[in-house]
Amino acid sequence: MTKRDTPSASPVFLKAGQVSERESISVPTIWRWVREGRFPAPVKLGENCTRWRLADLEAWEAERCEVA
């Protein structure tokens, strides 16, 4: 099997409540931080489906650890 033939890992998406639990912040704080540019923007997957990429959250967390 060549690299081209190997299945790629599917991205993982989290709901606002899951992000809230993961980051220990409230859902309104998440949305406020997104508006202020302090938190990764969500991805619109459908008309009524907004999620955050786990990879974006992990990168944001790593960036915060570097600053601290």
PDB file of N, CA and C in Angstrom:
ATOM      1  N   MET A   1       0.848  -1.182   0.000  1.00  0.00           N
ATOM      2  CA  MET A   1       0.000   0.000   0.000  1.00  0.00           C
ATOM      3  C   MET A   1       0.889   1.240   0.000  1.00  0.00           C
ATOM      4  N   THR A   2       0.666   2.140  -0.936  1.00  0.00           N
ATOM      5  CA  THR A   2       1.442   3.365  -0.999  1.00  0.00           C
ATOM      6  C   THR A   2       0.824   4.413  -0.089  1.00  0.00           C
ATOM      7  N   LYS A   3       1.590   5.470   0.114  1.00  0.00           N
ATOM      8  CA  LYS A   3       1.095   6.549   0.964  1.00  0.00           C
ATOM      9  C   LYS A   3      -0.225   7.105   0.430  1.00  0.00           C
ATOM     10  N   ARG A   4      -0.341   7.139  -0.873  1.00  0.00           N
ATOM     11  CA  ARG A   4      -1.549   7.662  -1.501  1.00  0.00           C
ATOM     12  C   ARG A   4      -2.771   6.789  -1.206  1.00  0.00           C
ATOM     13  N   ASP A   5      -2.529   5.469  -1.047  1.00  0.00           N
ATOM     14  CA  ASP A   5      -3.617   4.527  -0.822  1.00  0.00           C
ATOM     15  C   ASP A   5      -4.028   4.404   0.639  1.00  0.00           C
ATOM     16  N   THR A   6      -3.201   4.888   1.558  1.00  0.00           N
ATOM     17  CA  THR A   6      -3.524   4.729   2.970  1.00  0.00           C
ATOM     18  C   THR A   6      -4.655   5.672   3.359  1.00  0.00           C
ATOM     19  N   PRO A   7      -5.576   5.170   4.145  1.00  0.00           N
ATOM     20  CA  PRO A   7      -6.680   6.049   4.552  1.00  0.00           C
ATOM     21  C   PRO A   7      -6.182   7.141   5.483  1.00  0.00           C
ATOM     22  N   SER A   8      -6.645   8.338   5.251  1.00  0.00           N
ATOM     23  CA  SER A   8      -6.242   9.443   6.127  1.00  0.00           C
ATOM     24  C   SER A   8      -7.142   9.451   7.359  1.00  0.00           C
ATOM     25  N   ALA A   9      -6.593   9.948   8.439  1.00  0.00           N
ATOM     26  CA  ALA A   9      -7.381  10.032   9.675  1.00  0.00           C
ATOM     27  C   ALA A   9      -8.476  11.075   9.488  1.00  0.00           C
ATOM     28  N   SER A  10      -9.665  10.717   9.865  1.00  0.00           N
ATOM     29  CA  SER A  10     -10.772  11.659   9.768  1.00  0.00           C
ATOM     30  C   SER A  10     -10.650  12.709  10.859  1.00  0.00           C
ATOM     31  N   PRO A  11     -10.952  13.963  10.533  1.00  0.00           N
ATOM     32  CA  PRO A  11     -10.891  14.990  11.570  1.00  0.00           C
ATOM     33  C   PRO A  11     -11.952  14.748  12.636  1.00  0.00           C
ATOM     34  N   VAL A  12     -11.642  15.151  13.838  1.00  0.00           N
ATOM     35  CA  VAL A  12     -12.573  15.011  14.958  1.00  0.00           C
ATOM     36  C   VAL A  12     -13.162  16.386  15.236  1.00  0.00           C
ATOM     37  N   PHE A  13     -14.478  16.435  15.368  1.00  0.00           N
ATOM     38  CA  PHE A  13     -15.177  17.684  15.635  1.00  0.00           C
ATOM     39  C   PHE A  13     -15.879  17.602  16.984  1.00  0.00           C
ATOM     40  N   LEU A  14     -15.880  18.716  17.719  1.00  0.00           N
ATOM     41  CA  LEU A  14     -16.511  18.769  19.038  1.00  0.00           C
ATOM     42  C   LEU A  14     -17.633  19.806  19.060  1.00  0.00           C
ATOM     43  N   LYS A  15     -18.679  19.492  19.807  1.00  0.00           N
ATOM     44  CA  LYS A  15     -19.783  20.432  20.028  1.00  0.00           C
ATOM     45  C   LYS A  15     -19.356  21.472  21.058  1.00  0.00           C
ATOM     46  N   ALA A  16     -20.094  22.570  21.132  1.00  0.00           N
ATOM     47  CA  ALA A  16     -19.778  23.645  22.075  1.00  0.00           C
ATOM     48  C   ALA A  16     -19.721  23.125  23.511  1.00  0.00           C
ATOM     49  N   GLY A  17     -20.660  22.270  23.892  1.00  0.00           N
ATOM     50  CA  GLY A  17     -20.663  21.711  25.253  1.00  0.00           C
ATOM     51  C   GLY A  17     -19.422  20.881  25.533  1.00  0.00           C
ATOM     52  N   GLN A  18     -18.963  20.134  24.532  1.00  0.00           N
ATOM     53  CA  GLN A  18     -17.753  19.333  24.699  1.00  0.00           C
ATOM     54  C   GLN A  18     -16.523  20.234  24.818  1.00  0.00           C
ATOM     55  N   VAL A  19     -16.506  21.299  24.026  1.00  0.00           N
ATOM     56  CA  VAL A  19     -15.399  22.261  24.105  1.00  0.00           C
ATOM     57  C   VAL A  19     -15.404  22.930  25.476  1.00  0.00           C
ATOM     58  N   SER A  20     -16.584  23.276  25.954  1.00  0.00           N
ATOM     59  CA  SER A  20     -16.741  23.893  27.264  1.00  0.00           C
ATOM     60  C   SER A  20     -16.156  23.003  28.360  1.00  0.00           C
ATOM     61  N   GLU A  21     -16.488  21.735  28.314  1.00  0.00           N
ATOM     62  CA  GLU A  21     -15.953  20.792  29.303  1.00  0.00           C
ATOM     63  C   GLU A  21     -14.444  20.642  29.165  1.00  0.00           C
ATOM     64  N   ARG A  22     -13.970  20.521  27.948  1.00  0.00           N
ATOM     65  CA  ARG A  22     -12.537  20.317  27.703  1.00  0.00           C
ATOM     66  C   ARG A  22     -11.711  21.486  28.226  1.00  0.00           C
ATOM     67  N   GLU A  23     -12.204  22.697  27.997  1.00  0.00           N
ATOM     68  CA  GLU A  23     -11.440  23.894  28.360  1.00  0.00           C
ATOM     69  C   GLU A  23     -11.828  24.463  29.721  1.00  0.00           C
ATOM     70  N   SER A  24     -12.843  23.896  30.351  1.00  0.00           N
ATOM     71  CA  SER A  24     -13.333  24.364  31.656  1.00  0.00           C
ATOM     72  C   SER A  24     -13.758  25.827  31.619  1.00  0.00           C
ATOM     73  N   ILE A  25     -14.476  26.178  30.563  1.00  0.00           N
ATOM     74  CA  ILE A  25     -15.053  27.516  30.430  1.00  0.00           C
ATOM     75  C   ILE A  25     -16.492  27.359  29.956  1.00  0.00           C
ATOM     76  N   SER A  26     -17.294  28.374  30.167  1.00  0.00           N
ATOM     77  CA  SER A  26     -18.700  28.293  29.775  1.00  0.00           C
ATOM     78  C   SER A  26     -18.853  28.479  28.264  1.00  0.00           C
ATOM     79  N   VAL A  27     -19.978  28.011  27.757  1.00  0.00           N
ATOM     80  CA  VAL A  27     -20.271  28.165  26.328  1.00  0.00           C
ATOM     81  C   VAL A  27     -20.336  29.646  25.936  1.00  0.00           C
ATOM     82  N   PRO A  28     -20.991  30.515  26.731  1.00  0.00           N
ATOM     83  CA  PRO A  28     -20.971  31.942  26.367  1.00  0.00           C
ATOM     84  C   PRO A  28     -19.548  32.533  26.305  1.00  0.00           C
ATOM     85  N   THR A  29     -18.669  32.056  27.177  1.00  0.00           N
ATOM     86  CA  THR A  29     -17.279  32.533  27.148  1.00  0.00           C
ATOM     87  C   THR A  29     -16.606  32.091  25.857  1.00  0.00           C
ATOM     88  N   ILE A  30     -16.870  30.871  25.428  1.00  0.00           N
ATOM     89  CA  ILE A  30     -16.304  30.390  24.163  1.00  0.00           C
ATOM     90  C   ILE A  30     -16.701  31.327  23.033  1.00  0.00           C
ATOM     91  N   TRP A  31     -17.994  31.617  22.924  1.00  0.00           N
ATOM     92  CA  TRP A  31     -18.465  32.475  21.836  1.00  0.00           C
ATOM     93  C   TRP A  31     -17.915  33.897  21.949  1.00  0.00           C
ATOM     94  N   ARG A  32     -17.800  34.405  23.173  1.00  0.00           N
ATOM     95  CA  ARG A  32     -17.229  35.742  23.353  1.00  0.00           C
ATOM     96  C   ARG A  32     -15.778  35.763  22.899  1.00  0.00           C
ATOM     97  N   TRP A  33     -15.011  34.749  23.319  1.00  0.00           N
ATOM     98  CA  TRP A  33     -13.606  34.672  22.922  1.00  0.00           C
ATOM     99  C   TRP A  33     -13.448  34.524  21.415  1.00  0.00           C
ATOM    100  N   VAL A  34     -14.353  33.780  20.780  1.00  0.00           N
ATOM    101  CA  VAL A  34     -14.307  33.652  19.315  1.00  0.00           C
ATOM    102  C   VAL A  34     -14.504  35.034  18.684  1.00  0.00           C
ATOM    103  N   ARG A  35     -15.513  35.777  19.162  1.00  0.00           N
ATOM    104  CA  ARG A  35     -15.761  37.132  18.634  1.00  0.00           C
ATOM    105  C   ARG A  35     -14.558  38.042  18.824  1.00  0.00           C
ATOM    106  N   GLU A  36     -13.868  37.871  19.956  1.00  0.00           N
ATOM    107  CA  GLU A  36     -12.708  38.718  20.272  1.00  0.00           C
ATOM    108  C   GLU A  36     -11.429  38.226  19.602  1.00  0.00           C
ATOM    109  N   GLY A  37     -11.481  37.085  18.930  1.00  0.00           N
ATOM    110  CA  GLY A  37     -10.298  36.544  18.268  1.00  0.00           C
ATOM    111  C   GLY A  37      -9.343  35.847  19.221  1.00  0.00           C
ATOM    112  N   ARG A  38      -9.830  35.483  20.409  1.00  0.00           N
ATOM    113  CA  ARG A  38      -8.984  34.853  21.429  1.00  0.00           C
ATOM    114  C   ARG A  38      -9.116  33.338  21.455  1.00  0.00           C
ATOM    115  N   PHE A  39      -9.974  32.776  20.600  1.00  0.00           N
ATOM    116  CA  PHE A  39     -10.253  31.345  20.613  1.00  0.00           C
ATOM    117  C   PHE A  39     -10.445  30.888  19.173  1.00  0.00           C
ATOM    118  N   PRO A  40     -10.100  29.645  18.864  1.00  0.00           N
ATOM    119  CA  PRO A  40     -10.274  29.165  17.488  1.00  0.00           C
ATOM    120  C   PRO A  40     -11.718  29.290  17.010  1.00  0.00           C
ATOM    121  N   ALA A  41     -11.877  29.694  15.787  1.00  0.00           N
ATOM    122  CA  ALA A  41     -13.208  29.819  15.200  1.00  0.00           C
ATOM    123  C   ALA A  41     -13.770  28.429  14.905  1.00  0.00           C
ATOM    124  N   PRO A  42     -15.074  28.276  15.054  1.00  0.00           N
ATOM    125  CA  PRO A  42     -15.693  26.995  14.736  1.00  0.00           C
ATOM    126  C   PRO A  42     -15.846  26.823  13.230  1.00  0.00           C
ATOM    127  N   VAL A  43     -16.231  25.623  12.847  1.00  0.00           N
ATOM    128  CA  VAL A  43     -16.467  25.286  11.448  1.00  0.00           C
ATOM    129  C   VAL A  43     -17.960  25.040  11.271  1.00  0.00           C
ATOM    130  N   LYS A  44     -18.534  25.624  10.274  1.00  0.00           N
ATOM    131  CA  LYS A  44     -19.955  25.427   9.964  1.00  0.00           C
ATOM    132  C   LYS A  44     -20.059  24.188   9.072  1.00  0.00           C
ATOM    133  N   LEU A  45     -20.609  23.089   9.616  1.00  0.00           N
ATOM    134  CA  LEU A  45     -20.727  21.839   8.873  1.00  0.00           C
ATOM    135  C   LEU A  45     -22.078  21.707   8.173  1.00  0.00           C
ATOM    136  N   GLY A  46     -23.019  22.508   8.563  1.00  0.00           N
ATOM    137  CA  GLY A  46     -24.347  22.479   7.972  1.00  0.00           C
ATOM    138  C   GLY A  46     -25.126  23.686   8.441  1.00  0.00           C
ATOM    139  N   GLU A  47     -26.368  23.769   8.021  1.00  0.00           N
ATOM    140  CA  GLU A  47     -27.184  24.930   8.378  1.00  0.00           C
ATOM    141  C   GLU A  47     -27.292  25.107   9.889  1.00  0.00           C
ATOM    142  N   ASN A  48     -27.482  24.025  10.608  1.00  0.00           N
ATOM    143  CA  ASN A  48     -27.618  24.085  12.063  1.00  0.00           C
ATOM    144  C   ASN A  48     -26.554  23.252  12.766  1.00  0.00           C
ATOM    145  N   CYS A  49     -25.373  23.221  12.211  1.00  0.00           N
ATOM    146  CA  CYS A  49     -24.321  22.369  12.765  1.00  0.00           C
ATOM    147  C   CYS A  49     -22.994  23.120  12.770  1.00  0.00           C
ATOM    148  N   THR A  50     -22.591  23.562  13.941  1.00  0.00           N
ATOM    149  CA  THR A  50     -21.330  24.271  14.126  1.00  0.00           C
ATOM    150  C   THR A  50     -20.480  23.472  15.101  1.00  0.00           C
ATOM    151  N   ARG A  51     -19.244  23.215  14.723  1.00  0.00           N
ATOM    152  CA  ARG A  51     -18.354  22.402  15.545  1.00  0.00           C
ATOM    153  C   ARG A  51     -16.942  22.991  15.526  1.00  0.00           C
ATOM    154  N   TRP A  52     -16.139  22.557  16.489  1.00  0.00           N
ATOM    155  CA  TRP A  52     -14.730  22.936  16.540  1.00  0.00           C
ATOM    156  C   TRP A  52     -13.890  21.726  16.180  1.00  0.00           C
ATOM    157  N   ARG A  53     -12.847  21.956  15.386  1.00  0.00           N
ATOM    158  CA  ARG A  53     -11.900  20.888  15.066  1.00  0.00           C
ATOM    159  C   ARG A  53     -11.026  20.640  16.291  1.00  0.00           C
ATOM    160  N   LEU A  54     -10.899  19.379  16.665  1.00  0.00           N
ATOM    161  CA  LEU A  54     -10.044  19.019  17.785  1.00  0.00           C
ATOM    162  C   LEU A  54      -8.612  19.470  17.524  1.00  0.00           C
ATOM    163  N   ALA A  55      -8.147  19.341  16.301  1.00  0.00           N
ATOM    164  CA  ALA A  55      -6.779  19.750  15.958  1.00  0.00           C
ATOM    165  C   ALA A  55      -6.574  21.246  16.201  1.00  0.00           C
ATOM    166  N   ASP A  56      -7.585  22.073  15.903  1.00  0.00           N
ATOM    167  CA  ASP A  56      -7.483  23.520  16.146  1.00  0.00           C
ATOM    168  C   ASP A  56      -7.386  23.806  17.645  1.00  0.00           C
ATOM    169  N   LEU A  57      -8.170  23.077  18.434  1.00  0.00           N
ATOM    170  CA  LEU A  57      -8.128  23.266  19.883  1.00  0.00           C
ATOM    171  C   LEU A  57      -6.788  22.833  20.458  1.00  0.00           C
ATOM    172  N   GLU A  58      -6.270  21.721  19.987  1.00  0.00           N
ATOM    173  CA  GLU A  58      -4.969  21.242  20.471  1.00  0.00           C
ATOM    174  C   GLU A  58      -3.854  22.221  20.127  1.00  0.00           C
ATOM    175  N   ALA A  59      -3.912  22.813  18.933  1.00  0.00           N
ATOM    176  CA  ALA A  59      -2.910  23.812  18.542  1.00  0.00           C
ATOM    177  C   ALA A  59      -3.022  25.054  19.425  1.00  0.00           C
ATOM    178  N   TRP A  60      -4.259  25.482  19.702  1.00  0.00           N
ATOM    179  CA  TRP A  60      -4.486  26.646  20.560  1.00  0.00           C
ATOM    180  C   TRP A  60      -3.950  26.367  21.964  1.00  0.00           C
ATOM    181  N   GLU A  61      -4.212  25.162  22.485  1.00  0.00           N
ATOM    182  CA  GLU A  61      -3.722  24.785  23.809  1.00  0.00           C
ATOM    183  C   GLU A  61      -2.194  24.773  23.851  1.00  0.00           C
ATOM    184  N   ALA A  62      -1.582  24.234  22.813  1.00  0.00           N
ATOM    185  CA  ALA A  62      -0.113  24.190  22.759  1.00  0.00           C
ATOM    186  C   ALA A  62       0.476  25.602  22.711  1.00  0.00           C
ATOM    187  N   GLU A  63      -0.161  26.477  21.963  1.00  0.00           N
ATOM    188  CA  GLU A  63       0.278  27.862  21.869  1.00  0.00           C
ATOM    189  C   GLU A  63       0.195  28.560  23.216  1.00  0.00           C
ATOM    190  N   ARG A  64      -0.865  28.298  23.942  1.00  0.00           N
ATOM    191  CA  ARG A  64      -1.026  28.900  25.268  1.00  0.00           C
ATOM    192  C   ARG A  64       0.045  28.400  26.236  1.00  0.00           C
ATOM    193  N   CYS A  65       0.420  27.123  26.117  1.00  0.00           N
ATOM    194  CA  CYS A  65       1.465  26.559  26.997  1.00  0.00           C
ATOM    195  C   CYS A  65       2.806  27.195  26.708  1.00  0.00           C
ATOM    196  N   GLU A  66       3.073  27.533  25.436  1.00  0.00           N
ATOM    197  CA  GLU A  66       4.339  28.160  25.082  1.00  0.00           C
ATOM    198  C   GLU A  66       4.454  29.560  25.677  1.00  0.00           C
ATOM    199  N   VAL A  67       3.338  30.258  25.752  1.00  0.00           N
ATOM    200  CA  VAL A  67       3.319  31.636  26.256  1.00  0.00           C
ATOM    201  C   VAL A  67       3.504  31.654  27.768  1.00  0.00           C
ATOM    202  N   ALA A  68       2.922  30.680  28.444  1.00  0.00           N
ATOM    203  CA  ALA A  68       2.940  30.657  29.901  1.00  0.00           C
ATOM    204  C   ALA A  68       4.299  30.355  30.476  1.00  0.00           C
TER     205      ALA A  68
END
